[in-house]
Amino acid sequence: GSLRLSCAASGRIPSTYVMGWFRQAPGKEREFVAGIRWSGSASLYAD
């Protein structure tokens, strides 16, 4: 199946920020999932 997660910021996000998604399963360390630069087109994903 599919899900769409949203993350809303309380205010304007500066253009220099990088935003990311992480996840943590029970008993495991927090893991990087995906990231995106707030300006430009760069993005990065976990394998």
All heavy atoms as atom14 arrays in JSON, in Angstrom:
{
  "sequence": "GSLRLSCAASGRIPSTYVMGWFRQAPGKEREFVAGIRWSGSASLYAD",
  "atom14_mask": [
    [1, 1, 1, 1, 0, 0, 0, 0, 0, 0, 0, 0, 0, 0],
    [1, 1, 1, 1, 1, 1, 0, 0, 0, 0, 0, 0, 0, 0],
    [1, 1, 1, 1, 1, 1, 1, 1, 0, 0, 0, 0, 0, 0],
    [1, 1, 1, 1, 1, 1, 1, 1, 1, 1, 1, 0, 0, 0],
    [1, 1, 1, 1, 1, 1, 1, 1, 0, 0, 0, 0, 0, 0],
    [1, 1, 1, 1, 1, 1, 0, 0, 0, 0, 0, 0, 0, 0],
    [1, 1, 1, 1, 1, 1, 0, 0, 0, 0, 0, 0, 0, 0],
    [1, 1, 1, 1, 1, 0, 0, 0, 0, 0, 0, 0, 0, 0],
    [1, 1, 1, 1, 1, 0, 0, 0, 0, 0, 0, 0, 0, 0],
    [1, 1, 1, 1, 1, 1, 0, 0, 0, 0, 0, 0, 0, 0],
    [1, 1, 1, 1, 0, 0, 0, 0, 0, 0, 0, 0, 0, 0],
    [1, 1, 1, 1, 1, 1, 1, 1, 1, 1, 1, 0, 0, 0],
    [1, 1, 1, 1, 1, 1, 1, 1, 0, 0, 0, 0, 0, 0],
    [1, 1, 1, 1, 1, 1, 1, 0, 0, 0, 0, 0, 0, 0],
    [1, 1, 1, 1, 1, 1, 0, 0, 0, 0, 0, 0, 0, 0],
    [1, 1, 1, 1, 1, 1, 1, 0, 0, 0, 0, 0, 0, 0],
    [1, 1, 1, 1, 1, 1, 1, 1, 1, 1, 1, 1, 0, 0],
    [1, 1, 1, 1, 1, 1, 1, 0, 0, 0, 0, 0, 0, 0],
    [1, 1, 1, 1, 1, 1, 1, 1, 0, 0, 0, 0, 0, 0],
    [1, 1, 1, 1, 0, 0, 0, 0, 0, 0, 0, 0, 0, 0],
    [1, 1, 1, 1, 1, 1, 1, 1, 1, 1, 1, 1, 1, 1],
    [1, 1, 1, 1, 1, 1, 1, 1, 1, 1, 1, 0, 0, 0],
    [1, 1, 1, 1, 1, 1, 1, 1, 1, 1, 1, 0, 0, 0],
    [1, 1, 1, 1, 1, 1, 1, 1, 1, 0, 0, 0, 0, 0],
    [1, 1, 1, 1, 1, 0, 0, 0, 0, 0, 0, 0, 0, 0],
    [1, 1, 1, 1, 1, 1, 1, 0, 0, 0, 0, 0, 0, 0],
    [1, 1, 1, 1, 0, 0, 0, 0, 0, 0, 0, 0, 0, 0],
    [1, 1, 1, 1, 1, 1, 1, 1, 1, 0, 0, 0, 0, 0],
    [1, 1, 1, 1, 1, 1, 1, 1, 1, 0, 0, 0, 0, 0],
    [1, 1, 1, 1, 1, 1, 1, 1, 1, 1, 1, 0, 0, 0],
    [1, 1, 1, 1, 1, 1, 1, 1, 1, 0, 0, 0, 0, 0],
    [1, 1, 1, 1, 1, 1, 1, 1, 1, 1, 1, 0, 0, 0],
    [1, 1, 1, 1, 1, 1, 1, 0, 0, 0, 0, 0, 0, 0],
    [1, 1, 1, 1, 1, 0, 0, 0, 0, 0, 0, 0, 0, 0],
    [1, 1, 1, 1, 0, 0, 0, 0, 0, 0, 0, 0, 0, 0],
    [1, 1, 1, 1, 1, 1, 1, 1, 0, 0, 0, 0, 0, 0],
    [1, 1, 1, 1, 1, 1, 1, 1, 1, 1, 1, 0, 0, 0],
    [1, 1, 1, 1, 1, 1, 1, 1, 1, 1, 1, 1, 1, 1],
    [1, 1, 1, 1, 1, 1, 0, 0, 0, 0, 0, 0, 0, 0],
    [1, 1, 1, 1, 0, 0, 0, 0, 0, 0, 0, 0, 0, 0],
    [1, 1, 1, 1, 1, 1, 0, 0, 0, 0, 0, 0, 0, 0],
    [1, 1, 1, 1, 1, 0, 0, 0, 0, 0, 0, 0, 0, 0],
    [1, 1, 1, 1, 1, 1, 0, 0, 0, 0, 0, 0, 0, 0],
    [1, 1, 1, 1, 1, 1, 1, 1, 0, 0, 0, 0, 0, 0],
    [1, 1, 1, 1, 1, 1, 1, 1, 1, 1, 1, 1, 0, 0],
    [1, 1, 1, 1, 1, 0, 0, 0, 0, 0, 0, 0, 0, 0],
    [1, 1, 1, 1, 1, 1, 1, 1, 0, 0, 0, 0, 0, 0]
  ],
  "atom14_positions": [
    [[0.8, -1.21, 0.0], [0.0, 0.0, 0.0], [0.84, 1.26, 0.0], [2.07, 1.22, -0.06], [0.0, 0.0, 0.0], [0.0, 0.0, 0.0], [0.0, 0.0, 0.0], [0.0, 0.0, 0.0], [0.0, 0.0, 0.0], [0.0, 0.0, 0.0], [0.0, 0.0, 0.0], [0.0, 0.0, 0.0], [0.0, 0.0, 0.0], [0.0, 0.0, 0.0]],
    [[0.15, 2.38, 0.1], [0.8, 3.69, 0.03], [0.32, 4.59, 1.15], [-0.81, 4.48, 1.63], [0.51, 4.37, -1.31], [1.01, 3.61, -2.4], [0.0, 0.0, 0.0], [0.0, 0.0, 0.0], [0.0, 0.0, 0.0], [0.0, 0.0, 0.0], [0.0, 0.0, 0.0], [0.0, 0.0, 0.0], [0.0, 0.0, 0.0], [0.0, 0.0, 0.0]],
    [[1.19, 5.49, 1.55], [0.86, 6.55, 2.48], [1.6, 7.81, 2.04], [2.67, 7.73, 1.43], [1.27, 6.21, 3.91], [0.42, 5.22, 4.69], [1.1, 4.89, 6.02], [-0.98, 5.76, 4.93], [0.0, 0.0, 0.0], [0.0, 0.0, 0.0], [0.0, 0.0, 0.0], [0.0, 0.0, 0.0], [0.0, 0.0, 0.0], [0.0, 0.0, 0.0]],
    [[1.03, 8.95, 2.37], [1.68, 10.22, 2.13], [1.81, 10.97, 3.44], [0.8, 11.33, 4.05], [0.9, 11.06, 1.12], [1.65, 12.31, 0.66], [0.74, 13.25, -0.1], [1.48, 14.3, -0.78], [0.94, 15.45, -1.19], [-0.36, 15.67, -1.0], [1.69, 16.35, -1.8], [0.0, 0.0, 0.0], [0.0, 0.0, 0.0], [0.0, 0.0, 0.0]],
    [[3.03, 11.19, 3.86], [3.29, 11.94, 5.07], [3.49, 13.41, 4.75], [4.04, 13.76, 3.71], [4.54, 11.41, 5.78], [4.58, 9.91, 6.1], [5.86, 9.57, 6.86], [3.35, 9.49, 6.87], [0.0, 0.0, 0.0], [0.0, 0.0, 0.0], [0.0, 0.0, 0.0], [0.0, 0.0, 0.0], [0.0, 0.0, 0.0], [0.0, 0.0, 0.0]],
    [[3.05, 14.25, 5.66], [3.23, 15.68, 5.53], [3.97, 16.22, 6.74], [3.82, 15.7, 7.85], [1.89, 16.4, 5.4], [1.18, 15.98, 4.25], [0.0, 0.0, 0.0], [0.0, 0.0, 0.0], [0.0, 0.0, 0.0], [0.0, 0.0, 0.0], [0.0, 0.0, 0.0], [0.0, 0.0, 0.0], [0.0, 0.0, 0.0], [0.0, 0.0, 0.0]],
    [[4.75, 17.24, 6.53], [5.44, 17.93, 7.61], [5.29, 19.41, 7.39], [5.85, 19.96, 6.43], [6.92, 17.54, 7.64], [7.91, 18.49, 8.81], [0.0, 0.0, 0.0], [0.0, 0.0, 0.0], [0.0, 0.0, 0.0], [0.0, 0.0, 0.0], [0.0, 0.0, 0.0], [0.0, 0.0, 0.0], [0.0, 0.0, 0.0], [0.0, 0.0, 0.0]],
    [[4.54, 20.05, 8.25], [4.27, 21.47, 8.14], [5.11, 22.24, 9.15], [5.17, 21.89, 10.33], [2.79, 21.75, 8.37], [0.0, 0.0, 0.0], [0.0, 0.0, 0.0], [0.0, 0.0, 0.0], [0.0, 0.0, 0.0], [0.0, 0.0, 0.0], [0.0, 0.0, 0.0], [0.0, 0.0, 0.0], [0.0, 0.0, 0.0], [0.0, 0.0, 0.0]],
    [[5.76, 23.28, 8.68], [6.53, 24.16, 9.54], [5.67, 25.3, 10.05], [4.74, 25.73, 9.37], [7.74, 24.7, 8.79], [0.0, 0.0, 0.0], [0.0, 0.0, 0.0], [0.0, 0.0, 0.0], [0.0, 0.0, 0.0], [0.0, 0.0, 0.0], [0.0, 0.0, 0.0], [0.0, 0.0, 0.0], [0.0, 0.0, 0.0], [0.0, 0.0, 0.0]],
    [[5.99, 25.77, 11.24], [5.21, 26.83, 11.85], [5.35, 28.16, 11.14], [4.47, 29.01, 11.24], [5.61, 26.99, 13.33], [6.97, 27.32, 13.45], [0.0, 0.0, 0.0], [0.0, 0.0, 0.0], [0.0, 0.0, 0.0], [0.0, 0.0, 0.0], [0.0, 0.0, 0.0], [0.0, 0.0, 0.0], [0.0, 0.0, 0.0], [0.0, 0.0, 0.0]],
    [[6.44, 28.34, 10.45], [6.69, 29.58, 9.73], [7.47, 29.31, 8.46], [7.7, 28.16, 8.08], [0.0, 0.0, 0.0], [0.0, 0.0, 0.0], [0.0, 0.0, 0.0], [0.0, 0.0, 0.0], [0.0, 0.0, 0.0], [0.0, 0.0, 0.0], [0.0, 0.0, 0.0], [0.0, 0.0, 0.0], [0.0, 0.0, 0.0], [0.0, 0.0, 0.0]],
    [[7.86, 30.37, 7.82], [8.6, 30.25, 6.57], [9.93, 29.56, 6.8], [10.65, 29.88, 7.76], [8.82, 31.62, 5.94], [9.49, 31.59, 4.57], [9.68, 32.99, 4.02], [10.6, 33.76, 4.83], [11.92, 33.73, 4.74], [12.5, 32.92, 3.85], [12.67, 34.49, 5.52], [0.0, 0.0, 0.0], [0.0, 0.0, 0.0], [0.0, 0.0, 0.0]],
    [[10.26, 28.63, 5.94], [11.52, 27.91, 6.02], [12.56, 28.67, 5.21], [12.36, 28.91, 4.02], [11.36, 26.48, 5.5], [10.34, 25.72, 6.35], [12.71, 25.75, 5.51], [10.02, 24.34, 5.84], [0.0, 0.0, 0.0], [0.0, 0.0, 0.0], [0.0, 0.0, 0.0], [0.0, 0.0, 0.0], [0.0, 0.0, 0.0], [0.0, 0.0, 0.0]],
    [[13.68, 29.05, 5.82], [14.71, 29.76, 5.07], [15.24, 28.94, 3.91], [15.29, 27.71, 3.96], [15.8, 30.0, 6.12], [15.07, 30.0, 7.43], [14.0, 28.97, 7.26], [0.0, 0.0, 0.0], [0.0, 0.0, 0.0], [0.0, 0.0, 0.0], [0.0, 0.0, 0.0], [0.0, 0.0, 0.0], [0.0, 0.0, 0.0], [0.0, 0.0, 0.0]],
    [[15.63, 29.63, 2.86], [16.07, 28.97, 1.64], [17.31, 28.12, 1.83], [17.55, 27.2, 1.05], [16.32, 30.02, 0.55], [15.14, 30.73, 0.23], [0.0, 0.0, 0.0], [0.0, 0.0, 0.0], [0.0, 0.0, 0.0], [0.0, 0.0, 0.0], [0.0, 0.0, 0.0], [0.0, 0.0, 0.0], [0.0, 0.0, 0.0], [0.0, 0.0, 0.0]],
    [[18.1, 28.41, 2.84], [19.34, 27.67, 3.07], [19.13, 26.36, 3.83], [20.07, 25.58, 3.97], [20.34, 28.53, 3.84], [19.73, 29.03, 5.03], [20.8, 29.71, 2.98], [0.0, 0.0, 0.0], [0.0, 0.0, 0.0], [0.0, 0.0, 0.0], [0.0, 0.0, 0.0], [0.0, 0.0, 0.0], [0.0, 0.0, 0.0], [0.0, 0.0, 0.0]],
    [[17.93, 26.09, 4.31], [17.69, 24.89, 5.1], [17.65, 23.64, 4.23], [17.32, 23.68, 3.04], [16.36, 25.0, 5.84], [16.4, 25.79, 7.12], [17.39, 26.72, 7.37], [15.42, 25.6, 8.09], [17.42, 27.45, 8.54], [15.43, 26.32, 9.26], [16.42, 27.25, 9.49], [16.43, 27.97, 10.66], [0.0, 0.0, 0.0], [0.0, 0.0, 0.0]],
    [[17.99, 22.53, 4.87], [17.76, 21.21, 4.32], [16.71, 20.53, 5.19], [16.79, 20.56, 6.42], [19.05, 20.37, 4.29], [18.75, 18.91, 3.99], [20.01, 20.93, 3.25], [0.0, 0.0, 0.0], [0.0, 0.0, 0.0], [0.0, 0.0, 0.0], [0.0, 0.0, 0.0], [0.0, 0.0, 0.0], [0.0, 0.0, 0.0], [0.0, 0.0, 0.0]],
    [[15.73, 19.93, 4.55], [14.67, 19.23, 5.26], [14.82, 17.74, 5.02], [15.14, 17.31, 3.91], [13.3, 19.7, 4.79], [13.09, 21.2, 4.91], [13.13, 21.79, 6.62], [11.67, 20.98, 7.3], [0.0, 0.0, 0.0], [0.0, 0.0, 0.0], [0.0, 0.0, 0.0], [0.0, 0.0, 0.0], [0.0, 0.0, 0.0], [0.0, 0.0, 0.0]],
    [[14.57, 16.96, 6.06], [14.75, 15.53, 5.94], [13.68, 14.72, 6.63], [12.96, 15.23, 7.51], [0.0, 0.0, 0.0], [0.0, 0.0, 0.0], [0.0, 0.0, 0.0], [0.0, 0.0, 0.0], [0.0, 0.0, 0.0], [0.0, 0.0, 0.0], [0.0, 0.0, 0.0], [0.0, 0.0, 0.0], [0.0, 0.0, 0.0], [0.0, 0.0, 0.0]],
    [[13.57, 13.48, 6.22], [12.72, 12.49, 6.87], [13.62, 11.4, 7.45], [14.52, 10.89, 6.77], [11.72, 11.86, 5.91], [10.59, 12.75, 5.51], [10.48, 13.5, 4.38], [9.4, 12.98, 6.26], [9.29, 14.18, 4.37], [8.6, 13.88, 5.52], [8.91, 12.51, 7.48], [7.35, 14.31, 5.95], [7.67, 12.95, 7.91], [6.91, 13.84, 7.15]],
    [[13.36, 11.05, 8.69], [14.02, 9.95, 9.37], [12.97, 8.99, 9.9], [11.8, 9.33, 9.99], [14.89, 10.46, 10.54], [16.1, 11.22, 10.12], [16.01, 12.53, 9.7], [17.36, 10.62, 10.16], [17.13, 13.25, 9.32], [18.49, 11.33, 9.78], [18.38, 12.64, 9.37], [0.0, 0.0, 0.0], [0.0, 0.0, 0.0], [0.0, 0.0, 0.0]],
    [[13.4, 7.8, 10.25], [12.49, 6.85, 10.85], [13.22, 6.04, 11.91], [14.43, 5.87, 11.86], [11.85, 5.92, 9.81], [12.83, 4.98, 9.13], [12.13, 4.23, 8.0], [13.01, 3.28, 7.35], [12.67, 2.58, 6.27], [11.46, 2.73, 5.73], [13.54, 1.73, 5.74], [0.0, 0.0, 0.0], [0.0, 0.0, 0.0], [0.0, 0.0, 0.0]],
    [[12.47, 5.56, 12.87], [13.03, 4.75, 13.93], [12.06, 3.64, 14.28], [10.93, 3.9, 14.71], [13.34, 5.59, 15.17], [14.09, 4.83, 16.24], [14.63, 5.75, 17.32], [14.09, 6.83, 17.56], [15.7, 5.33, 17.97], [0.0, 0.0, 0.0], [0.0, 0.0, 0.0], [0.0, 0.0, 0.0], [0.0, 0.0, 0.0], [0.0, 0.0, 0.0]],
    [[12.5, 2.42, 14.09], [11.73, 1.25, 14.47], [12.06, 0.87, 15.9], [13.14, 1.2, 16.41], [12.03, 0.09, 13.53], [0.0, 0.0, 0.0], [0.0, 0.0, 0.0], [0.0, 0.0, 0.0], [0.0, 0.0, 0.0], [0.0, 0.0, 0.0], [0.0, 0.0, 0.0], [0.0, 0.0, 0.0], [0.0, 0.0, 0.0], [0.0, 0.0, 0.0]],
    [[11.17, 0.17, 16.59], [11.43, -0.24, 17.96], [12.73, -1.02, 18.09], [12.98, -1.96, 17.34], [10.23, -1.1, 18.32], [9.14, -0.61, 17.43], [9.82, -0.24, 16.15], [0.0, 0.0, 0.0], [0.0, 0.0, 0.0], [0.0, 0.0, 0.0], [0.0, 0.0, 0.0], [0.0, 0.0, 0.0], [0.0, 0.0, 0.0], [0.0, 0.0, 0.0]],
    [[13.57, -0.61, 19.03], [14.83, -1.29, 19.27], [15.92, -1.0, 18.27], [17.0, -1.6, 18.36], [0.0, 0.0, 0.0], [0.0, 0.0, 0.0], [0.0, 0.0, 0.0], [0.0, 0.0, 0.0], [0.0, 0.0, 0.0], [0.0, 0.0, 0.0], [0.0, 0.0, 0.0], [0.0, 0.0, 0.0], [0.0, 0.0, 0.0], [0.0, 0.0, 0.0]],
    [[15.67, -0.11, 17.33], [16.66, 0.21, 16.31], [17.02, 1.69, 16.36], [16.29, 2.5, 16.91], [16.15, -0.16, 14.92], [15.9, -1.65, 14.73], [15.51, -1.96, 13.3], [15.31, -3.44, 13.1], [14.92, -3.76, 11.7], [0.0, 0.0, 0.0], [0.0, 0.0, 0.0], [0.0, 0.0, 0.0], [0.0, 0.0, 0.0], [0.0, 0.0, 0.0]],
    [[18.16, 2.01, 15.75], [18.61, 3.38, 15.71], [17.82, 4.17, 14.68], [17.26, 3.62, 13.73], [20.11, 3.45, 15.4], [20.99, 2.84, 16.47], [22.46, 3.0, 16.18], [22.81, 3.5, 15.08], [23.28, 2.63, 17.03], [0.0, 0.0, 0.0], [0.0, 0.0, 0.0], [0.0, 0.0, 0.0], [0.0, 0.0, 0.0], [0.0, 0.0, 0.0]],
    [[17.81, 5.48, 14.87], [17.14, 6.34, 13.92], [17.87, 6.31, 12.59], [19.09, 6.37, 12.52], [17.08, 7.77, 14.48], [16.19, 8.71, 13.69], [15.77, 9.88, 14.55], [16.89, 10.52, 15.22], [16.78, 11.41, 16.19], [15.57, 11.77, 16.62], [17.86, 11.94, 16.74], [0.0, 0.0, 0.0], [0.0, 0.0, 0.0], [0.0, 0.0, 0.0]],
    [[17.11, 6.24, 11.52], [17.64, 6.01, 10.18], [17.2, 7.1, 9.23], [16.03, 7.48, 9.19], [17.16, 4.64, 9.67], [17.51, 4.32, 8.24], [16.8, 3.09, 7.74], [15.73, 2.75, 8.28], [17.32, 2.44, 6.81], [0.0, 0.0, 0.0], [0.0, 0.0, 0.0], [0.0, 0.0, 0.0], [0.0, 0.0, 0.0], [0.0, 0.0, 0.0]],
    [[18.13, 7.6, 8.44], [17.82, 8.57, 7.41], [16.99, 7.92, 6.32], [17.27, 6.81, 5.88], [19.12, 9.13, 6.82], [18.92, 10.04, 5.64], [18.62, 11.38, 5.83], [19.05, 9.57, 4.36], [18.44, 12.23, 4.76], [18.88, 10.41, 3.27], [18.57, 11.74, 3.48], [0.0, 0.0, 0.0], [0.0, 0.0, 0.0], [0.0, 0.0, 0.0]],
    [[15.97, 8.63, 5.88], [15.09, 8.13, 4.82], [15.26, 8.94, 3.55], [15.52, 8.4, 2.48], [13.62, 8.15, 5.26], [12.71, 7.72, 4.11], [13.42, 7.25, 6.47], [0.0, 0.0, 0.0], [0.0, 0.0, 0.0], [0.0, 0.0, 0.0], [0.0, 0.0, 0.0], [0.0, 0.0, 0.0], [0.0, 0.0, 0.0], [0.0, 0.0, 0.0]],
    [[15.09, 10.25, 3.65], [15.18, 11.12, 2.49], [15.42, 12.55, 2.93], [15.04, 12.94, 4.03], [13.9, 11.04, 1.65], [0.0, 0.0, 0.0], [0.0, 0.0, 0.0], [0.0, 0.0, 0.0], [0.0, 0.0, 0.0], [0.0, 0.0, 0.0], [0.0, 0.0, 0.0], [0.0, 0.0, 0.0], [0.0, 0.0, 0.0], [0.0, 0.0, 0.0]],
    [[16.04, 13.32, 2.06], [16.27, 14.72, 2.34], [16.12, 15.56, 1.1], [16.27, 15.06, -0.03], [0.0, 0.0, 0.0], [0.0, 0.0, 0.0], [0.0, 0.0, 0.0], [0.0, 0.0, 0.0], [0.0, 0.0, 0.0], [0.0, 0.0, 0.0], [0.0, 0.0, 0.0], [0.0, 0.0, 0.0], [0.0, 0.0, 0.0], [0.0, 0.0, 0.0]],
    [[15.81, 16.82, 1.29], [15.64, 17.74, 0.17], [16.1, 19.12, 0.59], [15.86, 19.55, 1.72], [14.17, 17.75, -0.31], [14.03, 18.55, -1.61], [13.25, 18.29, 0.77], [12.68, 18.39, -2.27], [0.0, 0.0, 0.0], [0.0, 0.0, 0.0], [0.0, 0.0, 0.0], [0.0, 0.0, 0.0], [0.0, 0.0, 0.0], [0.0, 0.0, 0.0]],
    [[16.78, 19.79, -0.3], [17.16, 21.17, -0.07], [15.96, 22.07, -0.28], [15.16, 21.84, -1.21], [18.31, 21.57, -0.99], [19.0, 22.87, -0.63], [20.17, 23.16, -1.57], [21.14, 22.09, -1.59], [22.06, 21.89, -0.66], [22.12, 22.72, 0.39], [22.9, 20.88, -0.75], [0.0, 0.0, 0.0], [0.0, 0.0, 0.0], [0.0, 0.0, 0.0]],
    [[15.82, 23.11, 0.56], [14.66, 23.96, 0.44], [14.7, 24.82, -0.81], [13.65, 25.26, -1.3], [14.51, 24.84, 1.69], [13.12, 25.38, 1.84], [12.74, 26.68, 1.83], [11.93, 24.61, 1.99], [11.38, 26.78, 1.97], [10.86, 25.53, 2.08], [11.66, 23.24, 2.08], [9.54, 25.11, 2.23], [10.35, 22.83, 2.22], [9.31, 23.76, 2.31]],
    [[15.86, 25.08, -1.31], [16.01, 25.74, -2.59], [16.83, 24.86, -3.51], [17.67, 24.08, -3.06], [16.68, 27.11, -2.43], [17.99, 26.99, -1.91], [0.0, 0.0, 0.0], [0.0, 0.0, 0.0], [0.0, 0.0, 0.0], [0.0, 0.0, 0.0], [0.0, 0.0, 0.0], [0.0, 0.0, 0.0], [0.0, 0.0, 0.0], [0.0, 0.0, 0.0]],
    [[16.59, 24.98, -4.79], [17.25, 24.12, -5.75], [16.52, 22.8, -5.91], [15.38, 22.64, -5.47], [0.0, 0.0, 0.0], [0.0, 0.0, 0.0], [0.0, 0.0, 0.0], [0.0, 0.0, 0.0], [0.0, 0.0, 0.0], [0.0, 0.0, 0.0], [0.0, 0.0, 0.0], [0.0, 0.0, 0.0], [0.0, 0.0, 0.0], [0.0, 0.0, 0.0]],
    [[17.19, 21.85, -6.53], [16.56, 20.59, -6.88], [17.18, 19.37, -6.23], [16.77, 18.24, -6.53], [16.59, 20.41, -8.41], [17.91, 20.43, -8.9], [0.0, 0.0, 0.0], [0.0, 0.0, 0.0], [0.0, 0.0, 0.0], [0.0, 0.0, 0.0], [0.0, 0.0, 0.0], [0.0, 0.0, 0.0], [0.0, 0.0, 0.0], [0.0, 0.0, 0.0]],
    [[18.13, 19.55, -5.35], [18.85, 18.42, -4.77], [17.96, 17.61, -3.83], [17.2, 18.17, -3.04], [20.09, 18.9, -4.02], [0.0, 0.0, 0.0], [0.0, 0.0, 0.0], [0.0, 0.0, 0.0], [0.0, 0.0, 0.0], [0.0, 0.0, 0.0], [0.0, 0.0, 0.0], [0.0, 0.0, 0.0], [0.0, 0.0, 0.0], [0.0, 0.0, 0.0]],
    [[18.07, 16.31, -3.92], [17.41, 15.4, -3.0], [18.27, 14.18, -2.8], [19.17, 13.9, -3.6], [16.01, 15.01, -3.51], [16.1, 14.33, -4.75], [0.0, 0.0, 0.0], [0.0, 0.0, 0.0], [0.0, 0.0, 0.0], [0.0, 0.0, 0.0], [0.0, 0.0, 0.0], [0.0, 0.0, 0.0], [0.0, 0.0, 0.0], [0.0, 0.0, 0.0]],
    [[18.0, 13.43, -1.75], [18.81, 12.27, -1.4], [17.92, 11.24, -0.73], [17.04, 11.58, 0.06], [19.94, 12.68, -0.46], [20.94, 11.6, -0.03], [21.77, 11.16, -1.22], [21.83, 12.12, 1.08], [0.0, 0.0, 0.0], [0.0, 0.0, 0.0], [0.0, 0.0, 0.0], [0.0, 0.0, 0.0], [0.0, 0.0, 0.0], [0.0, 0.0, 0.0]],
    [[18.16, 9.96, -1.05], [17.35, 8.88, -0.52], [18.23, 7.78, 0.06], [19.33, 7.52, -0.44], [16.46, 8.26, -1.6], [15.42, 9.19, -2.16], [15.69, 9.96, -3.28], [14.17, 9.28, -1.57], [14.74, 10.82, -3.8], [13.21, 10.13, -2.09], [13.5, 10.9, -3.19], [12.54, 11.74, -3.71], [0.0, 0.0, 0.0], [0.0, 0.0, 0.0]],
    [[17.73, 7.15, 1.09], [18.35, 5.93, 1.56], [18.16, 4.83, 0.52], [17.14, 4.79, -0.18], [17.73, 5.49, 2.89], [0.0, 0.0, 0.0], [0.0, 0.0, 0.0], [0.0, 0.0, 0.0], [0.0, 0.0, 0.0], [0.0, 0.0, 0.0], [0.0, 0.0, 0.0], [0.0, 0.0, 0.0], [0.0, 0.0, 0.0], [0.0, 0.0, 0.0]],
    [[19.15, 3.95, 0.41], [19.06, 2.88, -0.59], [17.82, 2.02, -0.39], [17.24, 1.52, -1.36], [20.3, 2.01, -0.53], [21.54, 2.71, -1.07], [21.4, 3.71, -1.79], [22.66, 2.25, -0.76], [0.0, 0.0, 0.0], [0.0, 0.0, 0.0], [0.0, 0.0, 0.0], [0.0, 0.0, 0.0], [0.0, 0.0, 0.0], [0.0, 0.0, 0.0]]
  ]
}
